[in-house]
Amino acid sequence: INMSDDWQPFYDDLISEAANTKAHSLTGAAGLIMGPDGSYLAGSTGFALSAKEANAIVKGFEKAGDAFGASGIFVHGKKFSYAKSDTEFVLAKAGPKDALLIVKSLGDNFVVLEFN
């Protein structure tokens, strides 16, 4: 898959497959795919990041992911507390049920999923 492809069908398949996996149900999941510059490539209807939130995610991965530990991660103005990361993913949580998964893959693109 390259940057010029339409990302929406890929994203839709990703969410559909995740929702249909019995062991890891992501019903209620929403998210997006963004480019390495924070640009929107595809996603759930109504799910968007502000330029500041997207930039913070990109910069956090440049600092090896655990840079989110001190400030947390903001999505839709909601603060998610850092839980775990490596060079390709970050896990965070907000409250007892809301979680955030960010995966850096697909080249240098990011998949951002919020779920509860």
N, C-alpha and C. Protein backbone atom coordinates (compact mmCIF):
# COMPACT_ATOMS: atom_id res chain seq x y z
N ILE A 1 0.86 -1.18 0.00
CA ILE A 1 0.00 0.00 0.00
C ILE A 1 0.90 1.22 0.00
N ASN A 2 0.64 2.15 -0.90
CA ASN A 2 1.44 3.36 -0.88
C ASN A 2 0.57 4.57 -0.60
N MET A 3 1.22 5.70 -0.35
CA MET A 3 0.53 6.90 0.10
C MET A 3 -0.53 7.39 -0.87
N SER A 4 -0.43 7.07 -2.15
CA SER A 4 -1.39 7.59 -3.11
C SER A 4 -2.67 6.76 -3.16
N ASP A 5 -2.68 5.60 -2.54
CA ASP A 5 -3.87 4.75 -2.53
C ASP A 5 -4.96 5.37 -1.66
N ASP A 6 -6.19 4.97 -1.92
CA ASP A 6 -7.31 5.37 -1.09
C ASP A 6 -7.29 4.53 0.18
N TRP A 7 -7.13 5.15 1.32
CA TRP A 7 -6.98 4.44 2.58
C TRP A 7 -8.31 4.03 3.21
N GLN A 8 -9.44 4.63 2.81
CA GLN A 8 -10.70 4.35 3.48
C GLN A 8 -11.12 2.88 3.40
N PRO A 9 -11.04 2.22 2.23
CA PRO A 9 -11.40 0.79 2.21
C PRO A 9 -10.51 -0.06 3.13
N PHE A 10 -9.23 0.25 3.19
CA PHE A 10 -8.33 -0.47 4.09
C PHE A 10 -8.75 -0.27 5.54
N TYR A 11 -9.03 0.97 5.91
CA TYR A 11 -9.45 1.27 7.27
C TYR A 11 -10.76 0.55 7.61
N ASP A 12 -11.73 0.61 6.70
CA ASP A 12 -13.02 -0.05 6.92
C ASP A 12 -12.84 -1.55 7.13
N ASP A 13 -11.99 -2.19 6.33
CA ASP A 13 -11.70 -3.62 6.50
C ASP A 13 -11.04 -3.90 7.84
N LEU A 14 -10.12 -3.04 8.25
CA LEU A 14 -9.44 -3.19 9.53
C LEU A 14 -10.43 -3.18 10.68
N ILE A 15 -11.32 -2.21 10.70
CA ILE A 15 -12.31 -2.10 11.77
C ILE A 15 -13.30 -3.27 11.70
N SER A 16 -13.73 -3.63 10.51
CA SER A 16 -14.67 -4.74 10.35
C SER A 16 -14.08 -6.05 10.85
N GLU A 17 -12.85 -6.34 10.49
CA GLU A 17 -12.20 -7.57 10.93
C GLU A 17 -12.02 -7.57 12.44
N ALA A 18 -11.64 -6.44 13.01
CA ALA A 18 -11.45 -6.36 14.46
C ALA A 18 -12.77 -6.56 15.19
N ALA A 19 -13.85 -6.00 14.66
CA ALA A 19 -15.15 -6.14 15.30
C ALA A 19 -15.68 -7.57 15.21
N ASN A 20 -15.26 -8.30 14.20
CA ASN A 20 -15.74 -9.68 14.02
C ASN A 20 -14.86 -10.73 14.66
N THR A 21 -13.78 -10.32 15.30
CA THR A 21 -12.90 -11.25 15.99
C THR A 21 -13.45 -11.49 17.39
N LYS A 22 -13.91 -12.68 17.66
CA LYS A 22 -14.57 -12.97 18.93
C LYS A 22 -13.67 -12.74 20.13
N ALA A 23 -12.41 -13.05 20.01
CA ALA A 23 -11.50 -12.93 21.16
C ALA A 23 -11.14 -11.49 21.47
N HIS A 24 -11.22 -10.62 20.49
CA HIS A 24 -10.80 -9.22 20.67
C HIS A 24 -11.82 -8.28 20.06
N SER A 25 -13.02 -8.29 20.59
CA SER A 25 -14.08 -7.45 20.04
C SER A 25 -13.79 -5.98 20.26
N LEU A 26 -13.87 -5.21 19.19
CA LEU A 26 -13.68 -3.77 19.28
C LEU A 26 -14.97 -3.04 18.93
N THR A 27 -16.11 -3.59 19.32
CA THR A 27 -17.35 -2.89 19.04
C THR A 27 -17.29 -1.54 19.72
N GLY A 28 -17.72 -0.53 19.03
CA GLY A 28 -17.63 0.82 19.55
C GLY A 28 -16.31 1.49 19.25
N ALA A 29 -15.43 0.82 18.54
CA ALA A 29 -14.14 1.41 18.22
C ALA A 29 -14.31 2.51 17.17
N ALA A 30 -13.52 3.54 17.29
CA ALA A 30 -13.48 4.62 16.31
C ALA A 30 -12.03 5.03 16.17
N GLY A 31 -11.67 5.52 15.02
CA GLY A 31 -10.30 5.93 14.85
C GLY A 31 -10.01 6.47 13.48
N LEU A 32 -8.72 6.49 13.17
CA LEU A 32 -8.29 7.02 11.89
C LEU A 32 -6.91 6.52 11.53
N ILE A 33 -6.56 6.73 10.29
CA ILE A 33 -5.19 6.54 9.81
C ILE A 33 -4.69 7.92 9.45
N MET A 34 -3.51 8.27 9.94
CA MET A 34 -2.92 9.56 9.59
C MET A 34 -1.52 9.37 9.06
N GLY A 35 -1.12 10.29 8.22
CA GLY A 35 0.21 10.25 7.63
C GLY A 35 1.29 10.66 8.61
N PRO A 36 2.55 10.53 8.22
CA PRO A 36 3.66 10.86 9.11
C PRO A 36 3.73 12.35 9.46
N ASP A 37 2.99 13.16 8.73
CA ASP A 37 2.92 14.60 9.03
C ASP A 37 1.67 14.95 9.82
N GLY A 38 0.89 13.93 10.22
CA GLY A 38 -0.34 14.16 10.97
C GLY A 38 -1.56 14.37 10.10
N SER A 39 -1.41 14.26 8.80
CA SER A 39 -2.54 14.48 7.89
C SER A 39 -3.52 13.31 7.95
N TYR A 40 -4.81 13.62 7.81
CA TYR A 40 -5.87 12.62 7.83
C TYR A 40 -5.86 11.86 6.52
N LEU A 41 -5.84 10.52 6.59
CA LEU A 41 -5.89 9.68 5.40
C LEU A 41 -7.21 8.92 5.29
N ALA A 42 -7.76 8.47 6.41
CA ALA A 42 -9.02 7.72 6.42
C ALA A 42 -9.46 7.58 7.87
N GLY A 43 -10.73 7.24 8.07
CA GLY A 43 -11.16 7.02 9.44
C GLY A 43 -12.65 6.90 9.61
N SER A 44 -13.04 6.79 10.87
CA SER A 44 -14.44 6.70 11.25
C SER A 44 -15.11 8.06 11.07
N THR A 45 -16.37 8.03 10.67
CA THR A 45 -17.12 9.26 10.51
C THR A 45 -17.13 10.04 11.81
N GLY A 46 -16.76 11.30 11.75
CA GLY A 46 -16.78 12.16 12.92
C GLY A 46 -15.56 12.05 13.81
N PHE A 47 -14.65 11.14 13.52
CA PHE A 47 -13.45 11.00 14.34
C PHE A 47 -12.34 11.84 13.71
N ALA A 48 -11.85 12.79 14.44
CA ALA A 48 -10.78 13.64 13.93
C ALA A 48 -9.89 14.08 15.09
N LEU A 49 -8.67 14.39 14.76
CA LEU A 49 -7.74 14.94 15.74
C LEU A 49 -7.49 16.40 15.37
N SER A 50 -7.29 17.22 16.38
CA SER A 50 -6.87 18.58 16.09
C SER A 50 -5.43 18.53 15.58
N ALA A 51 -4.99 19.58 14.92
CA ALA A 51 -3.61 19.63 14.44
C ALA A 51 -2.63 19.49 15.61
N LYS A 52 -2.97 20.08 16.74
CA LYS A 52 -2.10 20.00 17.92
C LYS A 52 -2.01 18.56 18.43
N GLU A 53 -3.15 17.84 18.48
CA GLU A 53 -3.16 16.46 18.94
C GLU A 53 -2.38 15.55 17.99
N ALA A 54 -2.59 15.71 16.68
CA ALA A 54 -1.87 14.90 15.69
C ALA A 54 -0.37 15.15 15.77
N ASN A 55 0.01 16.41 15.88
CA ASN A 55 1.44 16.77 15.96
C ASN A 55 2.08 16.17 17.22
N ALA A 56 1.35 16.18 18.34
CA ALA A 56 1.89 15.62 19.58
C ALA A 56 2.12 14.11 19.45
N ILE A 57 1.24 13.42 18.73
CA ILE A 57 1.42 11.98 18.52
C ILE A 57 2.66 11.73 17.68
N VAL A 58 2.81 12.46 16.59
CA VAL A 58 3.99 12.30 15.73
C VAL A 58 5.26 12.59 16.52
N LYS A 59 5.29 13.68 17.26
CA LYS A 59 6.47 14.06 18.04
C LYS A 59 6.76 13.04 19.15
N GLY A 60 5.70 12.49 19.76
CA GLY A 60 5.89 11.48 20.81
C GLY A 60 6.58 10.24 20.29
N PHE A 61 6.23 9.82 19.08
CA PHE A 61 6.90 8.65 18.50
C PHE A 61 8.34 8.97 18.11
N GLU A 62 8.61 10.20 17.74
CA GLU A 62 9.99 10.58 17.44
C GLU A 62 10.87 10.46 18.68
N LYS A 63 10.26 10.57 19.86
CA LYS A 63 10.99 10.46 21.13
C LYS A 63 10.81 9.07 21.74
N ALA A 64 10.61 8.05 20.90
CA ALA A 64 10.53 6.64 21.30
C ALA A 64 9.27 6.27 22.06
N GLY A 65 8.17 6.99 21.87
CA GLY A 65 6.89 6.57 22.42
C GLY A 65 6.68 6.86 23.89
N ASP A 66 7.66 6.57 24.76
CA ASP A 66 7.45 6.78 26.18
C ASP A 66 7.47 8.24 26.57
N ALA A 67 7.66 9.13 25.60
CA ALA A 67 7.59 10.57 25.86
C ALA A 67 6.18 10.97 26.28
N PHE A 68 5.19 10.12 26.04
CA PHE A 68 3.82 10.40 26.42
C PHE A 68 3.59 10.26 27.92
N GLY A 69 4.51 9.62 28.60
CA GLY A 69 4.33 9.34 30.02
C GLY A 69 4.08 10.55 30.88
N ALA A 70 4.79 11.62 30.64
CA ALA A 70 4.67 12.81 31.48
C ALA A 70 3.39 13.60 31.20
N SER A 71 3.04 13.74 29.93
CA SER A 71 1.92 14.62 29.58
C SER A 71 0.65 13.89 29.21
N GLY A 72 0.72 12.61 28.95
CA GLY A 72 -0.43 11.87 28.47
C GLY A 72 -0.64 12.13 26.99
N ILE A 73 -1.74 11.61 26.46
CA ILE A 73 -2.07 11.76 25.05
C ILE A 73 -3.47 12.33 24.97
N PHE A 74 -3.66 13.37 24.19
CA PHE A 74 -4.97 13.98 24.05
C PHE A 74 -5.59 13.61 22.71
N VAL A 75 -6.84 13.14 22.76
CA VAL A 75 -7.64 12.82 21.59
C VAL A 75 -9.03 13.39 21.84
N HIS A 76 -9.52 14.21 20.94
CA HIS A 76 -10.82 14.90 21.11
C HIS A 76 -10.85 15.72 22.39
N GLY A 77 -9.73 16.21 22.82
CA GLY A 77 -9.67 16.99 24.05
C GLY A 77 -9.67 16.15 25.32
N LYS A 78 -9.80 14.82 25.18
CA LYS A 78 -9.79 13.91 26.33
C LYS A 78 -8.36 13.44 26.57
N LYS A 79 -7.95 13.48 27.83
CA LYS A 79 -6.60 13.03 28.18
C LYS A 79 -6.60 11.54 28.47
N PHE A 80 -5.70 10.84 27.79
CA PHE A 80 -5.46 9.43 28.03
C PHE A 80 -4.11 9.31 28.75
N SER A 81 -4.09 8.53 29.80
CA SER A 81 -2.85 8.32 30.56
C SER A 81 -2.04 7.21 29.90
N TYR A 82 -0.77 7.48 29.73
CA TYR A 82 0.17 6.53 29.14
C TYR A 82 0.19 5.24 29.96
N ALA A 83 0.16 4.08 29.27
CA ALA A 83 0.23 2.79 29.95
C ALA A 83 1.47 2.00 29.53
N LYS A 84 1.73 1.93 28.21
CA LYS A 84 2.82 1.09 27.72
C LYS A 84 3.15 1.47 26.28
N SER A 85 4.41 1.25 25.89
CA SER A 85 4.76 1.52 24.49
C SER A 85 6.04 0.79 24.10
N ASP A 86 6.26 0.76 22.81
CA ASP A 86 7.56 0.42 22.26
C ASP A 86 7.74 1.31 21.03
N THR A 87 8.62 0.96 20.14
CA THR A 87 8.87 1.83 18.99
C THR A 87 7.75 1.81 17.96
N GLU A 88 6.81 0.86 18.07
CA GLU A 88 5.74 0.75 17.07
C GLU A 88 4.34 0.95 17.62
N PHE A 89 4.15 1.01 18.93
CA PHE A 89 2.80 1.20 19.46
C PHE A 89 2.81 1.93 20.79
N VAL A 90 1.67 2.51 21.11
CA VAL A 90 1.43 3.13 22.42
C VAL A 90 0.05 2.71 22.88
N LEU A 91 -0.06 2.30 24.14
CA LEU A 91 -1.33 2.03 24.78
C LEU A 91 -1.56 3.08 25.86
N ALA A 92 -2.80 3.55 25.96
CA ALA A 92 -3.14 4.54 26.97
C ALA A 92 -4.58 4.30 27.41
N LYS A 93 -4.96 4.88 28.56
CA LYS A 93 -6.32 4.68 29.05
C LYS A 93 -6.86 5.98 29.63
N ALA A 94 -8.19 6.05 29.66
CA ALA A 94 -8.89 7.17 30.28
C ALA A 94 -10.04 6.57 31.07
N GLY A 95 -9.97 6.68 32.37
CA GLY A 95 -11.02 6.11 33.20
C GLY A 95 -10.98 4.59 33.18
N PRO A 96 -12.03 3.96 33.70
CA PRO A 96 -12.01 2.50 33.81
C PRO A 96 -12.29 1.75 32.50
N LYS A 97 -12.85 2.42 31.48
CA LYS A 97 -13.26 1.69 30.29
C LYS A 97 -12.66 2.17 28.98
N ASP A 98 -12.26 3.41 28.88
CA ASP A 98 -11.79 3.95 27.60
C ASP A 98 -10.31 3.68 27.40
N ALA A 99 -9.96 3.25 26.21
CA ALA A 99 -8.58 2.93 25.89
C ALA A 99 -8.20 3.52 24.54
N LEU A 100 -6.92 3.70 24.34
CA LEU A 100 -6.38 4.25 23.11
C LEU A 100 -5.21 3.38 22.67
N LEU A 101 -5.22 3.02 21.41
CA LEU A 101 -4.12 2.27 20.80
C LEU A 101 -3.64 3.06 19.60
N ILE A 102 -2.37 3.32 19.55
CA ILE A 102 -1.75 3.99 18.40
C ILE A 102 -0.65 3.09 17.90
N VAL A 103 -0.70 2.76 16.62
CA VAL A 103 0.30 1.89 16.01
C VAL A 103 0.97 2.65 14.87
N LYS A 104 2.27 2.65 14.90
CA LYS A 104 3.04 3.25 13.80
C LYS A 104 3.44 2.11 12.87
N SER A 105 2.85 2.11 11.70
CA SER A 105 3.14 1.08 10.71
C SER A 105 2.70 1.59 9.35
N LEU A 106 2.45 0.69 8.43
CA LEU A 106 2.00 1.09 7.09
C LEU A 106 2.96 2.13 6.52
N GLY A 107 4.22 1.81 6.53
CA GLY A 107 5.23 2.81 6.18
C GLY A 107 5.50 3.61 7.45
N ASP A 108 5.30 4.89 7.37
CA ASP A 108 5.43 5.74 8.56
C ASP A 108 4.10 6.32 8.97
N ASN A 109 3.00 5.70 8.57
CA ASN A 109 1.67 6.17 8.93
C ASN A 109 1.30 5.67 10.32
N PHE A 110 0.23 6.24 10.86
CA PHE A 110 -0.24 5.89 12.19
C PHE A 110 -1.69 5.43 12.13
N VAL A 111 -2.01 4.37 12.86
CA VAL A 111 -3.39 3.96 13.08
C VAL A 111 -3.72 4.35 14.52
N VAL A 112 -4.75 5.16 14.69
CA VAL A 112 -5.18 5.64 16.01
C VAL A 112 -6.57 5.07 16.27
N LEU A 113 -6.72 4.27 17.33
CA LEU A 113 -8.02 3.67 17.67
C LEU A 113 -8.37 4.00 19.11
N GLU A 114 -9.57 4.51 19.28
CA GLU A 114 -10.12 4.75 20.61
C GLU A 114 -11.26 3.76 20.79
N PHE A 115 -11.29 3.08 21.94
CA PHE A 115 -12.35 2.10 22.16
C PHE A 115 -12.67 2.00 23.64
N ASN A 116 -13.85 1.41 23.92
CA ASN A 116 -14.24 1.19 25.31
C ASN A 116 -14.86 -0.17 25.46
